[in-house]
């Protein structure tokens, strides 16, 4: 299998920060739904962990907070 050219490298997973940086009583951000620990550790997370947060964890939190 040939290596993929550099222009096919997956782009970095950007922070879900919306600029509404306020933690609720449960410790979740009211803007992006991350915990304080998730916010602080974002830069150190690997892409798989970031993708899991973005695709699974944060949508579940958002639905729970909205309902």
N, C-alpha and C. Protein backbone atom coordinates (compact mmCIF):
# COMPACT_ATOMS: atom_id res chain seq x y z
N UNK A 1 0.84 -1.18 0.00
CA UNK A 1 0.00 0.00 0.00
C UNK A 1 0.89 1.25 0.00
N UNK A 2 0.59 2.16 -0.89
CA UNK A 2 1.38 3.38 -0.99
C UNK A 2 0.97 4.38 0.08
N UNK A 3 1.89 5.18 0.58
CA UNK A 3 1.53 6.23 1.55
C UNK A 3 0.67 7.30 0.87
N UNK A 4 -0.24 7.85 1.62
CA UNK A 4 -1.10 8.91 1.07
C UNK A 4 -0.32 10.22 0.99
N UNK A 5 -0.51 10.97 -0.08
CA UNK A 5 0.15 12.27 -0.19
C UNK A 5 -0.29 13.18 0.97
N UNK A 6 0.56 14.13 1.30
CA UNK A 6 0.32 15.02 2.44
C UNK A 6 -1.01 15.75 2.35
N UNK A 7 -1.47 16.06 1.13
CA UNK A 7 -2.72 16.82 1.03
C UNK A 7 -3.94 15.97 1.36
N UNK A 8 -3.78 14.66 1.57
CA UNK A 8 -4.88 13.80 1.97
C UNK A 8 -4.90 13.53 3.48
N UNK A 9 -3.97 14.13 4.20
CA UNK A 9 -3.92 13.95 5.65
C UNK A 9 -5.17 14.56 6.25
N UNK A 10 -5.76 13.85 7.22
CA UNK A 10 -6.96 14.36 7.87
C UNK A 10 -6.66 15.67 8.57
N UNK A 11 -7.53 16.66 8.44
CA UNK A 11 -7.31 17.94 9.12
C UNK A 11 -7.46 17.75 10.62
N UNK A 12 -6.87 18.64 11.40
CA UNK A 12 -7.01 18.52 12.85
C UNK A 12 -8.47 18.70 13.27
N UNK A 13 -8.83 18.07 14.37
CA UNK A 13 -10.18 18.22 14.90
C UNK A 13 -10.18 19.46 15.77
N UNK A 14 -10.87 20.48 15.33
CA UNK A 14 -10.88 21.75 16.02
C UNK A 14 -11.74 21.71 17.28
N UNK A 15 -11.44 22.59 18.19
CA UNK A 15 -12.19 22.69 19.43
C UNK A 15 -13.65 23.04 19.14
N UNK A 16 -14.58 22.46 19.89
CA UNK A 16 -15.99 22.80 19.71
C UNK A 16 -16.39 24.09 20.43
N UNK A 17 -15.43 24.82 20.95
CA UNK A 17 -15.72 26.05 21.71
C UNK A 17 -16.57 27.00 20.88
N UNK A 18 -17.61 27.53 21.53
CA UNK A 18 -18.50 28.48 20.86
C UNK A 18 -18.31 29.90 21.37
N UNK A 19 -17.41 30.07 22.34
CA UNK A 19 -17.18 31.38 22.93
C UNK A 19 -18.11 31.70 24.09
N UNK A 20 -18.99 30.77 24.42
CA UNK A 20 -19.86 30.92 25.59
C UNK A 20 -19.24 30.07 26.68
N UNK A 21 -18.31 30.64 27.41
CA UNK A 21 -17.48 29.87 28.34
C UNK A 21 -17.97 30.06 29.77
N UNK A 22 -18.96 29.26 30.12
CA UNK A 22 -19.53 29.33 31.46
C UNK A 22 -19.93 27.92 31.87
N UNK A 23 -19.38 27.45 33.00
CA UNK A 23 -19.70 26.10 33.47
C UNK A 23 -20.99 26.14 34.30
N UNK A 24 -21.86 25.17 34.06
CA UNK A 24 -23.10 25.07 34.82
C UNK A 24 -22.84 24.36 36.16
N UNK A 25 -23.87 24.11 36.92
CA UNK A 25 -23.74 23.49 38.24
C UNK A 25 -23.14 22.09 38.17
N UNK A 26 -23.30 21.40 37.04
CA UNK A 26 -22.73 20.05 36.88
C UNK A 26 -21.30 20.09 36.34
N UNK A 27 -20.77 21.27 36.07
CA UNK A 27 -19.40 21.39 35.57
C UNK A 27 -19.26 21.29 34.08
N UNK A 28 -20.37 21.42 33.34
CA UNK A 28 -20.32 21.38 31.87
C UNK A 28 -20.45 22.79 31.31
N UNK A 29 -19.71 23.05 30.26
CA UNK A 29 -19.77 24.36 29.61
C UNK A 29 -21.15 24.53 28.96
N UNK A 30 -21.73 25.69 29.15
CA UNK A 30 -23.05 25.96 28.58
C UNK A 30 -22.99 26.21 27.08
N UNK A 31 -21.79 26.41 26.54
CA UNK A 31 -21.65 26.64 25.11
C UNK A 31 -21.29 25.39 24.32
N UNK A 32 -20.31 24.62 24.82
CA UNK A 32 -19.83 23.46 24.05
C UNK A 32 -20.11 22.13 24.72
N UNK A 33 -20.59 22.15 25.95
CA UNK A 33 -20.99 20.96 26.71
C UNK A 33 -19.81 20.11 27.20
N UNK A 34 -18.60 20.61 27.07
CA UNK A 34 -17.46 19.88 27.63
C UNK A 34 -17.33 20.18 29.12
N UNK A 35 -16.71 19.24 29.85
CA UNK A 35 -16.40 19.49 31.25
C UNK A 35 -15.14 20.36 31.32
N UNK A 36 -14.89 20.91 32.48
CA UNK A 36 -13.68 21.70 32.67
C UNK A 36 -12.43 20.89 32.38
N UNK A 37 -12.42 19.61 32.79
CA UNK A 37 -11.27 18.74 32.51
C UNK A 37 -11.11 18.49 31.02
N UNK A 38 -12.21 18.33 30.30
CA UNK A 38 -12.14 18.11 28.85
C UNK A 38 -11.64 19.36 28.14
N UNK A 39 -12.06 20.51 28.61
CA UNK A 39 -11.60 21.77 28.02
C UNK A 39 -10.09 21.93 28.25
N UNK A 40 -9.67 21.72 29.49
CA UNK A 40 -8.26 21.88 29.85
C UNK A 40 -7.37 20.86 29.12
N UNK A 41 -7.89 19.66 28.90
CA UNK A 41 -7.09 18.61 28.29
C UNK A 41 -7.20 18.49 26.78
N UNK A 42 -7.99 19.35 26.15
CA UNK A 42 -8.23 19.24 24.71
C UNK A 42 -6.94 19.17 23.90
N UNK A 43 -6.00 20.03 24.19
CA UNK A 43 -4.76 20.09 23.40
C UNK A 43 -3.93 18.82 23.53
N UNK A 44 -4.12 18.06 24.60
CA UNK A 44 -3.34 16.84 24.81
C UNK A 44 -4.05 15.58 24.34
N UNK A 45 -5.31 15.69 23.95
CA UNK A 45 -6.09 14.52 23.51
C UNK A 45 -5.67 14.08 22.12
N UNK A 46 -5.72 12.78 21.89
CA UNK A 46 -5.47 12.29 20.54
C UNK A 46 -6.75 12.47 19.71
N UNK A 47 -6.63 12.32 18.41
CA UNK A 47 -7.76 12.54 17.51
C UNK A 47 -8.93 11.59 17.79
N UNK A 48 -8.63 10.35 18.16
CA UNK A 48 -9.70 9.39 18.43
C UNK A 48 -10.54 9.84 19.63
N UNK A 49 -9.90 10.35 20.65
CA UNK A 49 -10.62 10.83 21.82
C UNK A 49 -11.42 12.07 21.48
N UNK A 50 -10.83 12.98 20.74
CA UNK A 50 -11.55 14.19 20.33
C UNK A 50 -12.78 13.83 19.48
N UNK A 51 -12.59 12.91 18.53
CA UNK A 51 -13.69 12.51 17.64
C UNK A 51 -14.81 11.87 18.45
N UNK A 52 -14.47 11.03 19.42
CA UNK A 52 -15.47 10.40 20.28
C UNK A 52 -16.26 11.47 21.05
N UNK A 53 -15.57 12.43 21.59
CA UNK A 53 -16.27 13.52 22.29
C UNK A 53 -17.21 14.26 21.35
N UNK A 54 -16.71 14.61 20.17
CA UNK A 54 -17.50 15.39 19.21
C UNK A 54 -18.70 14.61 18.67
N UNK A 55 -18.52 13.31 18.41
CA UNK A 55 -19.56 12.52 17.75
C UNK A 55 -20.52 11.83 18.70
N UNK A 56 -20.09 11.54 19.92
CA UNK A 56 -20.90 10.74 20.84
C UNK A 56 -21.22 11.49 22.12
N UNK A 57 -20.20 11.87 22.85
CA UNK A 57 -20.40 12.42 24.20
C UNK A 57 -21.10 13.78 24.19
N UNK A 58 -20.59 14.72 23.42
CA UNK A 58 -21.16 16.06 23.44
C UNK A 58 -22.60 16.12 22.92
N UNK A 59 -22.95 15.41 21.84
CA UNK A 59 -24.36 15.40 21.42
C UNK A 59 -25.29 14.81 22.49
N UNK A 60 -24.83 13.79 23.21
CA UNK A 60 -25.64 13.23 24.28
C UNK A 60 -25.84 14.23 25.40
N UNK A 61 -24.79 14.93 25.77
CA UNK A 61 -24.91 15.97 26.81
C UNK A 61 -25.85 17.09 26.36
N UNK A 62 -25.69 17.51 25.12
CA UNK A 62 -26.54 18.58 24.61
C UNK A 62 -28.01 18.18 24.67
N UNK A 63 -28.33 16.96 24.27
CA UNK A 63 -29.70 16.48 24.29
C UNK A 63 -30.22 16.41 25.72
N UNK A 64 -29.39 15.96 26.63
CA UNK A 64 -29.79 15.86 28.03
C UNK A 64 -30.05 17.23 28.63
N UNK A 65 -29.21 18.20 28.28
CA UNK A 65 -29.35 19.55 28.82
C UNK A 65 -30.56 20.26 28.21
N UNK A 66 -30.88 19.94 26.98
CA UNK A 66 -32.01 20.59 26.30
C UNK A 66 -33.34 20.01 26.78
N UNK A 67 -33.33 18.76 27.22
CA UNK A 67 -34.56 18.07 27.57
C UNK A 67 -34.86 18.13 28.98
